[in-house]
Amino acid sequence: MVIDDSKTIRRTAETLLKKEGCEVLTAVDGFEALAKISDQKPAIIFVDIMMPRLDGYQTCALIKNNPQFRSTPVIMLSSKDGLFDKARGRIVGAEQYLTKPFTRDELLGAIHRHVASTV
């Protein structure tokens, strides 16, 4: 699942992942994502940090506080790459932090690192 308020980022990630045979869900913000997550149960979640209404940190914390989704890997996406931002991502339970613009290899690497071991 890719959660980002930027249509460009959602489309880019979706296109890259679908080319690799992944089924991709997208959401514009945390609220939309939470509803889809409980219905679809994605294997991995990529979430933008800077979003309206519910930011990526809040979204990640809500996912990780739900026992049903606690083990679902969450990868933070951000144009910021500061130490504070990365630390805050870890505090709310994110497994990894990718800086935008991300590459195809970074997305796939995150999937292989966090999903392949659970499949």
N, C-alpha and C. Protein backbone atom coordinates (compact mmCIF):
# COMPACT_ATOMS: atom_id res chain seq x y z
N MET A 1 0.84 -1.18 0.00
CA MET A 1 0.00 0.00 0.00
C MET A 1 0.89 1.24 0.00
N VAL A 2 0.48 2.23 -0.80
CA VAL A 2 1.20 3.50 -0.86
C VAL A 2 0.24 4.61 -0.41
N ILE A 3 0.62 5.32 0.66
CA ILE A 3 -0.20 6.41 1.19
C ILE A 3 0.57 7.70 0.99
N ASP A 4 0.04 8.58 0.14
CA ASP A 4 0.72 9.85 -0.13
C ASP A 4 -0.31 10.82 -0.70
N ASP A 5 -0.26 12.07 -0.26
CA ASP A 5 -1.21 13.06 -0.79
C ASP A 5 -0.79 13.55 -2.17
N SER A 6 0.39 13.18 -2.64
CA SER A 6 0.85 13.56 -3.98
C SER A 6 0.45 12.48 -4.99
N LYS A 7 -0.37 12.88 -5.96
CA LYS A 7 -0.80 11.95 -7.00
C LYS A 7 0.41 11.42 -7.77
N THR A 8 1.40 12.28 -7.99
CA THR A 8 2.61 11.88 -8.73
C THR A 8 3.35 10.76 -8.00
N ILE A 9 3.54 10.91 -6.70
CA ILE A 9 4.24 9.89 -5.93
C ILE A 9 3.45 8.59 -5.92
N ARG A 10 2.14 8.68 -5.71
CA ARG A 10 1.31 7.47 -5.70
C ARG A 10 1.40 6.74 -7.03
N ARG A 11 1.27 7.49 -8.12
CA ARG A 11 1.32 6.88 -9.45
C ARG A 11 2.69 6.28 -9.75
N THR A 12 3.74 7.00 -9.39
CA THR A 12 5.10 6.51 -9.64
C THR A 12 5.34 5.20 -8.91
N ALA A 13 5.04 5.18 -7.62
CA ALA A 13 5.24 3.96 -6.83
C ALA A 13 4.36 2.83 -7.35
N GLU A 14 3.12 3.14 -7.66
CA GLU A 14 2.19 2.12 -8.14
C GLU A 14 2.69 1.52 -9.46
N THR A 15 3.14 2.36 -10.38
CA THR A 15 3.64 1.88 -11.67
C THR A 15 4.87 1.00 -11.48
N LEU A 16 5.83 1.46 -10.67
CA LEU A 16 7.05 0.68 -10.43
C LEU A 16 6.72 -0.69 -9.82
N LEU A 17 5.84 -0.69 -8.84
CA LEU A 17 5.52 -1.93 -8.14
C LEU A 17 4.69 -2.89 -8.99
N LYS A 18 3.75 -2.36 -9.77
CA LYS A 18 2.93 -3.22 -10.62
C LYS A 18 3.78 -3.89 -11.70
N LYS A 19 4.79 -3.17 -12.20
CA LYS A 19 5.70 -3.76 -13.19
C LYS A 19 6.43 -4.97 -12.63
N GLU A 20 6.58 -5.00 -11.30
CA GLU A 20 7.27 -6.11 -10.64
C GLU A 20 6.27 -7.19 -10.18
N GLY A 21 5.01 -7.03 -10.55
CA GLY A 21 4.01 -8.04 -10.23
C GLY A 21 3.34 -7.87 -8.88
N CYS A 22 3.52 -6.71 -8.26
CA CYS A 22 2.89 -6.45 -6.96
C CYS A 22 1.46 -5.94 -7.15
N GLU A 23 0.58 -6.32 -6.25
CA GLU A 23 -0.76 -5.74 -6.21
C GLU A 23 -0.64 -4.50 -5.33
N VAL A 24 -1.11 -3.35 -5.83
CA VAL A 24 -0.88 -2.09 -5.12
C VAL A 24 -2.20 -1.40 -4.76
N LEU A 25 -2.31 -1.03 -3.50
CA LEU A 25 -3.42 -0.20 -3.02
C LEU A 25 -2.84 1.19 -2.81
N THR A 26 -3.67 2.21 -3.03
CA THR A 26 -3.22 3.57 -2.75
C THR A 26 -4.25 4.29 -1.89
N ALA A 27 -3.77 5.30 -1.19
CA ALA A 27 -4.64 6.14 -0.37
C ALA A 27 -4.07 7.55 -0.37
N VAL A 28 -4.96 8.54 -0.30
CA VAL A 28 -4.56 9.94 -0.34
C VAL A 28 -4.09 10.44 1.02
N ASP A 29 -4.64 9.85 2.10
CA ASP A 29 -4.24 10.28 3.45
C ASP A 29 -4.44 9.13 4.43
N GLY A 30 -4.07 9.39 5.67
CA GLY A 30 -4.15 8.36 6.70
C GLY A 30 -5.54 7.84 6.96
N PHE A 31 -6.54 8.72 6.91
CA PHE A 31 -7.91 8.27 7.18
C PHE A 31 -8.38 7.28 6.13
N GLU A 32 -8.15 7.62 4.86
CA GLU A 32 -8.54 6.71 3.77
C GLU A 32 -7.76 5.40 3.90
N ALA A 33 -6.48 5.51 4.23
CA ALA A 33 -5.62 4.33 4.35
C ALA A 33 -6.10 3.38 5.44
N LEU A 34 -6.45 3.91 6.61
CA LEU A 34 -6.85 3.06 7.73
C LEU A 34 -8.07 2.20 7.38
N ALA A 35 -9.02 2.77 6.65
CA ALA A 35 -10.19 2.00 6.23
C ALA A 35 -9.78 0.89 5.26
N LYS A 36 -8.90 1.21 4.32
CA LYS A 36 -8.47 0.21 3.34
C LYS A 36 -7.59 -0.87 3.98
N ILE A 37 -6.77 -0.48 4.94
CA ILE A 37 -5.88 -1.43 5.60
C ILE A 37 -6.68 -2.52 6.31
N SER A 38 -7.74 -2.13 7.02
CA SER A 38 -8.49 -3.15 7.74
C SER A 38 -9.27 -4.06 6.79
N ASP A 39 -9.64 -3.55 5.61
CA ASP A 39 -10.34 -4.39 4.62
C ASP A 39 -9.38 -5.28 3.83
N GLN A 40 -8.27 -4.69 3.38
CA GLN A 40 -7.38 -5.38 2.43
C GLN A 40 -6.17 -6.07 3.05
N LYS A 41 -5.77 -5.67 4.24
CA LYS A 41 -4.62 -6.26 4.95
C LYS A 41 -3.35 -6.34 4.08
N PRO A 42 -2.79 -5.17 3.71
CA PRO A 42 -1.60 -5.18 2.85
C PRO A 42 -0.39 -5.82 3.55
N ALA A 43 0.54 -6.34 2.74
CA ALA A 43 1.74 -7.00 3.26
C ALA A 43 2.78 -5.99 3.73
N ILE A 44 2.75 -4.79 3.12
CA ILE A 44 3.70 -3.73 3.47
C ILE A 44 3.03 -2.39 3.20
N ILE A 45 3.40 -1.38 3.97
CA ILE A 45 2.78 -0.06 3.82
C ILE A 45 3.87 1.00 3.70
N PHE A 46 3.79 1.79 2.61
CA PHE A 46 4.67 2.94 2.43
C PHE A 46 3.83 4.17 2.75
N VAL A 47 4.29 5.01 3.68
CA VAL A 47 3.48 6.16 4.09
C VAL A 47 4.30 7.45 4.08
N ASP A 48 3.75 8.45 3.40
CA ASP A 48 4.35 9.79 3.37
C ASP A 48 4.22 10.40 4.76
N ILE A 49 5.17 11.23 5.12
CA ILE A 49 5.11 11.88 6.43
C ILE A 49 4.22 13.12 6.40
N MET A 50 4.44 13.98 5.43
CA MET A 50 3.71 15.26 5.37
C MET A 50 2.40 15.10 4.60
N MET A 51 1.31 14.91 5.34
CA MET A 51 -0.02 14.79 4.73
C MET A 51 -1.01 15.60 5.56
N PRO A 52 -2.07 16.07 4.91
CA PRO A 52 -3.10 16.80 5.67
C PRO A 52 -3.91 15.84 6.56
N ARG A 53 -4.59 16.38 7.53
CA ARG A 53 -5.50 15.66 8.43
C ARG A 53 -4.78 14.70 9.37
N LEU A 54 -4.13 13.67 8.84
CA LEU A 54 -3.45 12.67 9.65
C LEU A 54 -2.08 12.46 9.01
N ASP A 55 -1.02 12.90 9.68
CA ASP A 55 0.31 12.78 9.05
C ASP A 55 0.83 11.34 9.12
N GLY A 56 1.97 11.11 8.49
CA GLY A 56 2.53 9.77 8.42
C GLY A 56 2.90 9.19 9.77
N TYR A 57 3.39 10.04 10.67
CA TYR A 57 3.75 9.56 12.01
C TYR A 57 2.50 9.07 12.75
N GLN A 58 1.43 9.86 12.68
CA GLN A 58 0.18 9.49 13.35
C GLN A 58 -0.40 8.23 12.73
N THR A 59 -0.35 8.15 11.39
CA THR A 59 -0.88 6.99 10.69
C THR A 59 -0.11 5.74 11.09
N CYS A 60 1.21 5.83 11.10
CA CYS A 60 2.05 4.69 11.49
C CYS A 60 1.75 4.27 12.92
N ALA A 61 1.64 5.23 13.83
CA ALA A 61 1.36 4.91 15.23
C ALA A 61 0.03 4.18 15.37
N LEU A 62 -0.99 4.63 14.64
CA LEU A 62 -2.31 3.97 14.71
C LEU A 62 -2.24 2.54 14.17
N ILE A 63 -1.50 2.35 13.08
CA ILE A 63 -1.34 1.01 12.52
C ILE A 63 -0.63 0.10 13.52
N LYS A 64 0.47 0.59 14.08
CA LYS A 64 1.28 -0.22 15.01
C LYS A 64 0.59 -0.46 16.35
N ASN A 65 -0.35 0.40 16.73
CA ASN A 65 -1.08 0.20 17.98
C ASN A 65 -2.22 -0.80 17.85
N ASN A 66 -2.52 -1.23 16.63
CA ASN A 66 -3.56 -2.22 16.39
C ASN A 66 -2.89 -3.60 16.38
N PRO A 67 -3.24 -4.48 17.31
CA PRO A 67 -2.58 -5.79 17.39
C PRO A 67 -2.63 -6.57 16.07
N GLN A 68 -3.69 -6.39 15.31
CA GLN A 68 -3.85 -7.12 14.04
C GLN A 68 -2.79 -6.69 13.00
N PHE A 69 -2.31 -5.45 13.09
CA PHE A 69 -1.39 -4.93 12.08
C PHE A 69 -0.01 -4.57 12.64
N ARG A 70 0.24 -4.89 13.90
CA ARG A 70 1.49 -4.54 14.55
C ARG A 70 2.71 -5.07 13.79
N SER A 71 2.58 -6.26 13.19
CA SER A 71 3.73 -6.86 12.50
C SER A 71 3.80 -6.46 11.02
N THR A 72 2.83 -5.67 10.53
CA THR A 72 2.88 -5.20 9.14
C THR A 72 3.98 -4.16 9.01
N PRO A 73 4.95 -4.39 8.10
CA PRO A 73 6.03 -3.41 7.95
C PRO A 73 5.52 -2.06 7.43
N VAL A 74 5.97 -0.98 8.07
CA VAL A 74 5.63 0.37 7.63
C VAL A 74 6.93 1.08 7.25
N ILE A 75 6.97 1.61 6.03
CA ILE A 75 8.14 2.33 5.54
C ILE A 75 7.75 3.79 5.38
N MET A 76 8.45 4.67 6.07
CA MET A 76 8.17 6.10 5.98
C MET A 76 8.78 6.67 4.70
N LEU A 77 8.04 7.56 4.04
CA LEU A 77 8.53 8.26 2.85
C LEU A 77 8.57 9.75 3.15
N SER A 78 9.68 10.39 2.85
CA SER A 78 9.75 11.83 3.12
C SER A 78 10.79 12.50 2.26
N SER A 79 10.57 13.77 1.99
CA SER A 79 11.59 14.55 1.28
C SER A 79 12.62 15.06 2.28
N LYS A 80 12.33 14.94 3.57
CA LYS A 80 13.29 15.33 4.62
C LYS A 80 14.15 14.11 4.95
N ASP A 81 15.43 14.34 5.18
CA ASP A 81 16.25 13.20 5.56
C ASP A 81 17.03 13.48 6.84
N GLY A 82 16.48 14.33 7.67
CA GLY A 82 17.15 14.68 8.92
C GLY A 82 17.11 13.56 9.94
N LEU A 83 18.07 13.57 10.83
CA LEU A 83 18.18 12.56 11.87
C LEU A 83 16.94 12.55 12.77
N PHE A 84 16.42 13.74 13.08
CA PHE A 84 15.23 13.84 13.93
C PHE A 84 14.04 13.14 13.28
N ASP A 85 13.86 13.37 11.96
CA ASP A 85 12.73 12.76 11.25
C ASP A 85 12.84 11.25 11.25
N LYS A 86 14.05 10.75 11.02
CA LYS A 86 14.26 9.30 11.01
C LYS A 86 14.03 8.71 12.39
N ALA A 87 14.51 9.40 13.42
CA ALA A 87 14.32 8.92 14.80
C ALA A 87 12.84 8.91 15.15
N ARG A 88 12.12 9.94 14.76
CA ARG A 88 10.69 10.00 15.06
C ARG A 88 9.95 8.85 14.37
N GLY A 89 10.38 8.51 13.14
CA GLY A 89 9.79 7.37 12.43
C GLY A 89 9.99 6.08 13.20
N ARG A 90 11.18 5.89 13.75
CA ARG A 90 11.49 4.68 14.55
C ARG A 90 10.63 4.65 15.82
N ILE A 91 10.46 5.80 16.45
CA ILE A 91 9.70 5.88 17.69
C ILE A 91 8.26 5.42 17.48
N VAL A 92 7.65 5.79 16.34
CA VAL A 92 6.26 5.38 16.10
C VAL A 92 6.15 3.97 15.51
N GLY A 93 7.31 3.32 15.29
CA GLY A 93 7.29 1.92 14.89
C GLY A 93 7.64 1.61 13.45
N ALA A 94 8.06 2.61 12.67
CA ALA A 94 8.41 2.35 11.27
C ALA A 94 9.64 1.46 11.17
N GLU A 95 9.62 0.55 10.20
CA GLU A 95 10.75 -0.35 10.01
C GLU A 95 11.88 0.30 9.22
N GLN A 96 11.53 1.25 8.35
CA GLN A 96 12.54 1.85 7.48
C GLN A 96 12.09 3.25 7.08
N TYR A 97 13.02 4.02 6.54
CA TYR A 97 12.77 5.41 6.16
C TYR A 97 13.40 5.62 4.79
N LEU A 98 12.59 5.95 3.78
CA LEU A 98 13.12 6.24 2.45
C LEU A 98 12.95 7.72 2.16
N THR A 99 13.98 8.32 1.58
CA THR A 99 13.92 9.72 1.22
C THR A 99 13.45 9.86 -0.22
N LYS A 100 12.50 10.77 -0.45
CA LYS A 100 12.00 11.05 -1.80
C LYS A 100 12.96 12.02 -2.48
N PRO A 101 13.19 11.91 -3.76
CA PRO A 101 12.62 10.88 -4.64
C PRO A 101 13.32 9.55 -4.43
N PHE A 102 12.52 8.50 -4.27
CA PHE A 102 13.07 7.16 -4.09
C PHE A 102 13.26 6.50 -5.45
N THR A 103 14.07 5.47 -5.48
CA THR A 103 14.30 4.74 -6.73
C THR A 103 13.53 3.43 -6.72
N ARG A 104 13.41 2.83 -7.86
CA ARG A 104 12.77 1.53 -8.00
C ARG A 104 13.48 0.52 -7.08
N ASP A 105 14.80 0.55 -7.10
CA ASP A 105 15.57 -0.39 -6.29
C ASP A 105 15.34 -0.20 -4.79
N GLU A 106 15.16 1.05 -4.36
CA GLU A 106 14.89 1.30 -2.93
C GLU A 106 13.53 0.73 -2.53
N LEU A 107 12.52 0.93 -3.38
CA LEU A 107 11.19 0.39 -3.08
C LEU A 107 11.23 -1.13 -3.03
N LEU A 108 11.81 -1.72 -4.06
CA LEU A 108 11.87 -3.19 -4.12
C LEU A 108 12.74 -3.75 -3.00
N GLY A 109 13.82 -3.04 -2.67
CA GLY A 109 14.69 -3.48 -1.59
C GLY A 109 13.93 -3.54 -0.27
N ALA A 110 13.10 -2.52 -0.02
CA ALA A 110 12.30 -2.50 1.21
C ALA A 110 11.33 -3.67 1.23
N ILE A 111 10.72 -3.96 0.10
CA ILE A 111 9.78 -5.08 0.02
C ILE A 111 10.51 -6.40 0.29
N HIS A 112 11.64 -6.59 -0.38
CA HIS A 112 12.40 -7.84 -0.19
C HIS A 112 12.91 -7.98 1.25
N ARG A 113 13.33 -6.88 1.83
CA ARG A 113 13.87 -6.90 3.18
C ARG A 113 12.79 -7.22 4.22
N HIS A 114 11.60 -6.65 4.04
CA HIS A 114 10.60 -6.76 5.09
C HIS A 114 9.47 -7.76 4.80
N VAL A 115 9.20 -8.05 3.52
CA VAL A 115 8.10 -8.94 3.20
C VAL A 115 8.58 -10.34 2.89
N ALA A 116 9.68 -10.45 2.18
CA ALA A 116 10.19 -11.77 1.79
C ALA A 116 10.44 -12.65 3.01
N SER A 117 10.87 -12.03 4.11
CA SER A 117 11.17 -12.81 5.31
C SER A 117 9.91 -13.29 6.02
N THR A 118 8.76 -12.65 5.71
CA THR A 118 7.52 -13.05 6.38
C THR A 118 6.66 -13.95 5.52
N VAL A 119 7.03 -14.08 4.24
CA VAL A 119 6.22 -14.90 3.31
C VAL A 119 6.65 -16.34 3.39
